[in-house]
C-alpha atoms as a PDB file:
ATOM      1  CA  UNK A   1      -3.430  81.946-209.624  1.00  0.00           C
ATOM      2  CA  UNK A   2      -2.736  83.893-206.429  1.00  0.00           C
ATOM      3  CA  UNK A   3      -0.494  81.435-204.575  1.00  0.00           C
ATOM      4  CA  UNK A   4      -0.225  83.572-201.431  1.00  0.00           C
ATOM      5  CA  UNK A   5      -4.010  83.621-201.067  1.00  0.00           C
ATOM      6  CA  UNK A   6      -4.165  79.886-201.746  1.00  0.00           C
ATOM      7  CA  UNK A   7      -1.658  79.214-198.959  1.00  0.00           C
ATOM      8  CA  UNK A   8      -3.422  81.561-196.540  1.00  0.00           C
ATOM      9  CA  UNK A   9      -6.883  80.089-197.236  1.00  0.00           C
ATOM     10  CA  UNK A  10      -5.503  76.564-196.829  1.00  0.00           C
ATOM     11  CA  UNK A  11      -4.015  77.547-193.473  1.00  0.00           C
ATOM     12  CA  UNK A  12      -7.405  78.848-192.287  1.00  0.00           C
ATOM     13  CA  UNK A  13      -9.187  75.784-193.672  1.00  0.00           C
ATOM     14  CA  UNK A  14      -6.775  73.463-191.857  1.00  0.00           C
ATOM     15  CA  UNK A  15      -7.131  75.048-188.393  1.00  0.00           C
ATOM     16  CA  UNK A  16      -9.959  72.805-187.080  1.00  0.00           C
ATOM     17  CA  UNK A  17      -8.107  69.683-188.277  1.00  0.00           C
ATOM     18  CA  UNK A  18      -4.471  70.652-187.701  1.00  0.00           C
ATOM     19  CA  UNK A  19      -3.794  68.235-184.839  1.00  0.00           C
ATOM     20  CA  UNK A  20      -5.504  65.327-186.600  1.00  0.00           C
ATOM     21  CA  UNK A  21      -3.796  66.152-189.901  1.00  0.00           C
ATOM     22  CA  UNK A  22      -0.388  66.322-188.211  1.00  0.00           C
ATOM     23  CA  UNK A  23      -1.057  62.905-186.696  1.00  0.00           C
ATOM     24  CA  UNK A  24      -2.143  61.454-190.042  1.00  0.00           C
ATOM     25  CA  UNK A  25       0.997  62.768-191.765  1.00  0.00           C
ATOM     26  CA  UNK A  26       3.169  61.467-188.918  1.00  0.00           C
ATOM     27  CA  UNK A  27       1.654  57.961-189.116  1.00  0.00           C
ATOM     28  CA  UNK A  28       1.994  58.052-192.909  1.00  0.00           C
ATOM     29  CA  UNK A  29       5.705  58.824-192.544  1.00  0.00           C
ATOM     30  CA  UNK A  30       6.186  56.114-189.922  1.00  0.00           C
ATOM     31  CA  UNK A  31       4.424  53.414-191.935  1.00  0.00           C
ATOM     32  CA  UNK A  32       6.564  54.114-194.980  1.00  0.00           C
ATOM     33  CA  UNK A  33       9.842  54.940-193.244  1.00  0.00           C
ATOM     34  CA  UNK A  34      10.148  52.429-190.405  1.00  0.00           C
ATOM     35  CA  UNK A  35       9.808  49.129-192.357  1.00  0.00           C
ATOM     36  CA  UNK A  36      12.444  50.201-194.871  1.00  0.00           C
ATOM     37  CA  UNK A  37      14.954  50.597-192.019  1.00  0.00           C
ATOM     38  CA  UNK A  38      14.505  47.021-190.782  1.00  0.00           C
ATOM     39  CA  UNK A  39      15.644  44.750-193.609  1.00  0.00           C
ATOM     40  CA  UNK A  40      15.156  43.955-197.291  1.00  0.00           C
ATOM     41  CA  UNK A  41      11.648  42.636-196.639  1.00  0.00           C
ATOM     42  CA  UNK A  42      10.835  45.874-194.861  1.00  0.00           C
ATOM     43  CA  UNK A  43      12.021  47.861-197.872  1.00  0.00           C
ATOM     44  CA  UNK A  44       9.765  45.786-200.115  1.00  0.00           C
ATOM     45  CA  UNK A  45       6.838  46.347-197.751  1.00  0.00           C
ATOM     46  CA  UNK A  46       7.454  50.108-197.814  1.00  0.00           C
ATOM     47  CA  UNK A  47       7.396  50.096-201.620  1.00  0.00           C
ATOM     48  CA  UNK A  48       4.149  48.112-201.670  1.00  0.00           C
ATOM     49  CA  UNK A  49       2.271  50.325-199.218  1.00  0.00           C
ATOM     50  CA  UNK A  50       3.638  53.718-200.308  1.00  0.00           C
ATOM     51  CA  UNK A  51       1.253  54.121-203.266  1.00  0.00           C
ATOM     52  CA  UNK A  52      -1.982  53.156-201.458  1.00  0.00           C
ATOM     53  CA  UNK A  53      -1.037  55.245-198.417  1.00  0.00           C
ATOM     54  CA  UNK A  54      -0.271  58.276-200.576  1.00  0.00           C
ATOM     55  CA  UNK A  55      -3.615  57.827-202.314  1.00  0.00           C
ATOM     56  CA  UNK A  56      -5.299  57.657-198.896  1.00  0.00           C
ATOM     57  CA  UNK A  57      -3.475  60.822-197.834  1.00  0.00           C
ATOM     58  CA  UNK A  58      -4.834  62.606-200.908  1.00  0.00           C
ATOM     59  CA  UNK A  59      -8.346  61.358-200.104  1.00  0.00           C
ATOM     60  CA  UNK A  60      -7.973  62.727-196.574  1.00  0.00           C
ATOM     61  CA  UNK A  61      -6.957  66.231-197.664  1.00  0.00           C
ATOM     62  CA  UNK A  62      -9.470  66.361-200.527  1.00  0.00           C
ATOM     63  CA  UNK A  63     -12.211  65.894-197.925  1.00  0.00           C
ATOM     64  CA  UNK A  64     -11.092  69.089-196.202  1.00  0.00           C
ATOM     65  CA  UNK A  65     -11.033  71.022-199.486  1.00  0.00           C
ATOM     66  CA  UNK A  66     -14.685  70.048-200.017  1.00  0.00           C
ATOM     67  CA  UNK A  67     -15.725  71.216-196.548  1.00  0.00           C
ATOM     68  CA  UNK A  68     -16.150  67.685-195.189  1.00  0.00           C
ATOM     69  CA  UNK A  69     -14.817  66.319-191.914  1.00  0.00           C
ATOM     70  CA  UNK A  70     -11.858  63.982-192.495  1.00  0.00           C
ATOM     71  CA  UNK A  71     -11.184  60.788-190.586  1.00  0.00           C
ATOM     72  CA  UNK A  72      -7.896  59.226-189.539  1.00  0.00           C
ATOM     73  CA  UNK A  73      -8.991  56.073-191.357  1.00  0.00           C
ATOM     74  CA  UNK A  74      -9.171  57.917-194.683  1.00  0.00           C
ATOM     75  CA  UNK A  75      -5.424  57.272-194.786  1.00  0.00           C
ATOM     76  CA  UNK A  76      -6.125  53.582-195.436  1.00  0.00           C
ATOM     77  CA  UNK A  77      -8.863  54.013-198.058  1.00  0.00           C
ATOM     78  CA  UNK A  78      -6.230  54.021-200.788  1.00  0.00           C
ATOM     79  CA  UNK A  79      -5.924  50.251-200.401  1.00  0.00           C
ATOM     80  CA  UNK A  80      -9.333  49.701-202.018  1.00  0.00           C
ATOM     81  CA  UNK A  81      -8.209  50.492-205.582  1.00  0.00           C
ATOM     82  CA  UNK A  82      -5.028  48.584-204.676  1.00  0.00           C
ATOM     83  CA  UNK A  83      -3.779  47.594-208.117  1.00  0.00           C
ATOM     84  CA  UNK A  84      -4.235  51.063-209.617  1.00  0.00           C
ATOM     85  CA  UNK A  85      -2.566  52.690-206.597  1.00  0.00           C
ATOM     86  CA  UNK A  86       0.419  50.337-206.893  1.00  0.00           C
ATOM     87  CA  UNK A  87       0.774  50.813-210.642  1.00  0.00           C
ATOM     88  CA  UNK A  88       0.439  54.587-210.291  1.00  0.00           C
ATOM     89  CA  UNK A  89       3.192  54.679-207.674  1.00  0.00           C
ATOM     90  CA  UNK A  90       5.640  52.529-209.627  1.00  0.00           C
ATOM     91  CA  UNK A  91       5.028  54.186-213.014  1.00  0.00           C
ATOM     92  CA  UNK A  92       5.353  57.747-211.668  1.00  0.00           C
ATOM     93  CA  UNK A  93       8.521  56.918-209.742  1.00  0.00           C
ATOM     94  CA  UNK A  94      10.035  54.954-212.640  1.00  0.00           C
ATOM     95  CA  UNK A  95       9.420  57.797-215.111  1.00  0.00           C
ATOM     96  CA  UNK A  96      10.692  60.408-212.636  1.00  0.00           C
ATOM     97  CA  UNK A  97      13.876  58.434-211.931  1.00  0.00           C
ATOM     98  CA  UNK A  98      14.372  57.863-215.648  1.00  0.00           C
ATOM     99  CA  UNK A  99      14.058  61.597-216.237  1.00  0.00           C
ATOM    100  CA  UNK A 100      16.513  62.356-213.439  1.00  0.00           C
ATOM    101  CA  UNK A 101      19.047  59.927-214.906  1.00  0.00           C
ATOM    102  CA  UNK A 102      19.192  61.870-218.158  1.00  0.00           C
ATOM    103  CA  UNK A 103      19.042  65.339-216.643  1.00  0.00           C
ATOM    104  CA  UNK A 104      17.544  66.712-213.447  1.00  0.00           C
ATOM    105  CA  UNK A 105      15.030  68.974-215.213  1.00  0.00           C
ATOM    106  CA  UNK A 106      13.188  66.206-217.168  1.00  0.00           C
ATOM    107  CA  UNK A 107      12.721  64.311-213.896  1.00  0.00           C
ATOM    108  CA  UNK A 108      11.231  67.377-212.225  1.00  0.00           C
ATOM    109  CA  UNK A 109       8.940  67.932-215.219  1.00  0.00           C
ATOM    110  CA  UNK A 110       7.772  64.314-215.046  1.00  0.00           C
ATOM    111  CA  UNK A 111       7.093  64.576-211.317  1.00  0.00           C
ATOM    112  CA  UNK A 112       5.133  67.821-211.686  1.00  0.00           C
ATOM    113  CA  UNK A 113       3.233  66.609-214.728  1.00  0.00           C
ATOM    114  CA  UNK A 114       1.955  63.496-212.992  1.00  0.00           C
ATOM    115  CA  UNK A 115       1.519  65.102-209.550  1.00  0.00           C
ATOM    116  CA  UNK A 116      -2.274  65.356-209.805  1.00  0.00           C
ATOM    117  CA  UNK A 117      -2.727  61.657-210.655  1.00  0.00           C
ATOM    118  CA  UNK A 118      -3.419  60.609-207.069  1.00  0.00           C
ATOM    119  CA  UNK A 119      -6.061  63.311-206.595  1.00  0.00           C
ATOM    120  CA  UNK A 120      -7.736  62.309-209.855  1.00  0.00           C
ATOM    121  CA  UNK A 121      -7.741  58.644-208.835  1.00  0.00           C
ATOM    122  CA  UNK A 122      -9.029  59.640-205.366  1.00  0.00           C
ATOM    123  CA  UNK A 123     -12.174  61.034-206.953  1.00  0.00           C
ATOM    124  CA  UNK A 124     -12.453  58.297-209.584  1.00  0.00           C
ATOM    125  CA  UNK A 125     -11.335  55.050-207.930  1.00  0.00           C
ATOM    126  CA  UNK A 126     -12.623  52.954-210.843  1.00  0.00           C
ATOM    127  CA  UNK A 127     -10.425  54.841-213.305  1.00  0.00           C
ATOM    128  CA  UNK A 128      -7.369  53.081-214.723  1.00  0.00           C
ATOM    129  CA  UNK A 129      -3.954  54.289-213.607  1.00  0.00           C
ATOM    130  CA  UNK A 130      -3.034  55.178-217.203  1.00  0.00           C
ATOM    131  CA  UNK A 131      -6.088  57.414-217.547  1.00  0.00           C
ATOM    132  CA  UNK A 132      -5.247  59.141-214.257  1.00  0.00           C
ATOM    133  CA  UNK A 133      -1.720  59.797-215.525  1.00  0.00           C
ATOM    134  CA  UNK A 134      -3.033  61.129-218.831  1.00  0.00           C
ATOM    135  CA  UNK A 135      -5.562  63.438-217.141  1.00  0.00           C
ATOM    136  CA  UNK A 136      -2.915  64.726-214.733  1.00  0.00           C
ATOM    137  CA  UNK A 137      -0.510  65.523-217.563  1.00  0.00           C
ATOM    138  CA  UNK A 138      -3.264  67.375-219.414  1.00  0.00           C
ATOM    139  CA  UNK A 139      -4.348  69.251-216.271  1.00  0.00           C
ATOM    140  CA  UNK A 140      -0.773  70.317-215.544  1.00  0.00           C
ATOM    141  CA  UNK A 141      -0.152  71.579-219.081  1.00  0.00           C
ATOM    142  CA  UNK A 142       1.063  75.150-218.639  1.00  0.00           C
ATOM    143  CA  UNK A 143       0.915  74.891-214.836  1.00  0.00           C
ATOM    144  CA  UNK A 144       4.080  72.987-213.957  1.00  0.00           C
ATOM    145  CA  UNK A 145       6.186  76.053-213.205  1.00  0.00           C
ATOM    146  CA  UNK A 146       3.459  77.537-211.023  1.00  0.00           C
ATOM    147  CA  UNK A 147       3.226  74.340-208.974  1.00  0.00           C
ATOM    148  CA  UNK A 148       7.022  74.233-208.704  1.00  0.00           C
ATOM    149  CA  UNK A 149       6.985  77.789-207.333  1.00  0.00           C
ATOM    150  CA  UNK A 150       4.233  76.807-204.888  1.00  0.00           C
ATOM    151  CA  UNK A 151       6.439  74.008-203.529  1.00  0.00           C
ATOM    152  CA  UNK A 152       9.379  76.422-203.242  1.00  0.00           C
ATOM    153  CA  UNK A 153       7.275  78.801-201.153  1.00  0.00           C
ATOM    154  CA  UNK A 154       7.163  76.204-198.378  1.00  0.00           C
ATOM    155  CA  UNK A 155      10.947  75.848-198.077  1.00  0.00           C
ATOM    156  CA  UNK A 156      11.356  78.832-195.687  1.00  0.00           C
ATOM    157  CA  UNK A 157       8.613  77.378-193.508  1.00  0.00           C
ATOM    158  CA  UNK A 158      10.403  74.015-193.372  1.00  0.00           C
ATOM    159  CA  UNK A 159      13.623  75.779-192.388  1.00  0.00           C
ATOM    160  CA  UNK A 160      11.714  77.595-189.658  1.00  0.00           C
ATOM    161  CA  UNK A 161      10.246  74.246-188.590  1.00  0.00           C
ATOM    162  CA  UNK A 162      13.755  72.809-188.245  1.00  0.00           C
ATOM    163  CA  UNK A 163      14.677  75.649-185.895  1.00  0.00           C
ATOM    164  CA  UNK A 164      11.840  74.595-183.610  1.00  0.00           C
ATOM    165  CA  UNK A 165      13.528  71.271-182.758  1.00  0.00           C
ATOM    166  CA  UNK A 166      12.254  69.655-186.001  1.00  0.00           C
ATOM    167  CA  UNK A 167       8.726  69.483-184.514  1.00  0.00           C
ATOM    168  CA  UNK A 168       7.701  72.476-186.608  1.00  0.00           C
ATOM    169  CA  UNK A 169       8.133  70.434-189.774  1.00  0.00           C
ATOM    170  CA  UNK A 170       5.152  68.284-188.822  1.00  0.00           C
ATOM    171  CA  UNK A 171       3.062  71.439-188.629  1.00  0.00           C
ATOM    172  CA  UNK A 172       4.115  72.561-192.110  1.00  0.00           C
ATOM    173  CA  UNK A 173       3.610  69.170-193.818  1.00  0.00           C
ATOM    174  CA  UNK A 174      -0.214  69.057-193.474  1.00  0.00           C
ATOM    175  CA  UNK A 175      -0.427  72.711-194.528  1.00  0.00           C
ATOM    176  CA  UNK A 176       1.520  71.984-197.707  1.00  0.00           C
ATOM    177  CA  UNK A 177      -0.547  68.870-198.425  1.00  0.00           C
ATOM    178  CA  UNK A 178      -3.821  70.763-198.082  1.00  0.00           C
ATOM    179  CA  UNK A 179      -2.514  73.629-200.215  1.00  0.00           C
ATOM    180  CA  UNK A 180      -1.608  71.210-203.025  1.00  0.00           C
ATOM    181  CA  UNK A 181      -5.037  69.564-202.732  1.00  0.00           C
ATOM    182  CA  UNK A 182      -6.647  73.004-203.024  1.00  0.00           C
ATOM    183  CA  UNK A 183      -4.389  73.759-205.985  1.00  0.00           C
ATOM    184  CA  UNK A 184      -5.764  70.625-207.663  1.00  0.00           C
ATOM    185  CA  UNK A 185      -9.322  71.818-207.030  1.00  0.00           C
ATOM    186  CA  UNK A 186      -8.492  75.215-208.543  1.00  0.00           C
ATOM    187  CA  UNK A 187      -6.993  73.584-211.635  1.00  0.00           C
ATOM    188  CA  UNK A 188      -9.993  71.289-211.987  1.00  0.00           C
ATOM    189  CA  UNK A 189     -12.449  74.198-211.741  1.00  0.00           C
ATOM    190  CA  UNK A 190     -10.387  76.233-214.218  1.00  0.00           C
ATOM    191  CA  UNK A 191     -10.361  73.294-216.651  1.00  0.00           C
ATOM    192  CA  UNK A 192     -14.150  72.918-216.373  1.00  0.00           C
ATOM    193  CA  UNK A 193     -14.677  76.629-217.021  1.00  0.00           C
ATOM    194  CA  UNK A 194     -12.431  76.544-220.073  1.00  0.00           C
ATOM    195  CA  UNK A 195     -14.311  73.484-221.299  1.00  0.00           C
ATOM    196  CA  UNK A 196     -17.648  75.300-220.884  1.00  0.00           C
ATOM    197  CA  UNK A 197     -16.354  78.275-222.869  1.00  0.00           C
ATOM    198  CA  UNK A 198     -15.144  76.113-225.750  1.00  0.00           C
ATOM    199  CA  UNK A 199     -18.255  73.910-225.906  1.00  0.00           C
END
């Protein structure tokens, strides 16, 4: 996959929604970050809402990849499949932390392997969390390194964002999110094509 083209196309695709997307990402960060700084109850609240909010964030950016107009309130649509969103969040984080405890690399592999779970659940809200995890792992088979490289490509942009009084980071975050959502769409289309060839 041409990652440079993917990033460039995502940047163009994001232009009409950049301000809204920056606001959505900023609110997402506030809702997760602020409660955890208050007290133990706030930390618990952050853990409980992180999964559904992340699912909502994926729903928001998937809309853009499909040529639809996103809404700020898409961020909160992840609370509808609440139980699956919660279970997905806790299982992915538990497995990633477990992998990191043994060695750093297994944790990274776990994180990359399950990274498409939220997008899969976004499009199939009735699906069980375990099925979303399984489909993500299968979809990422042979693609983990490529996705890792895609994430690395944004590091210089984050550094540049820091130089612009940190504000620039909030411009890069929605771009990265949309690029990953587009990467998911590319993987999904590739998987369908391969399935058509083998059937």
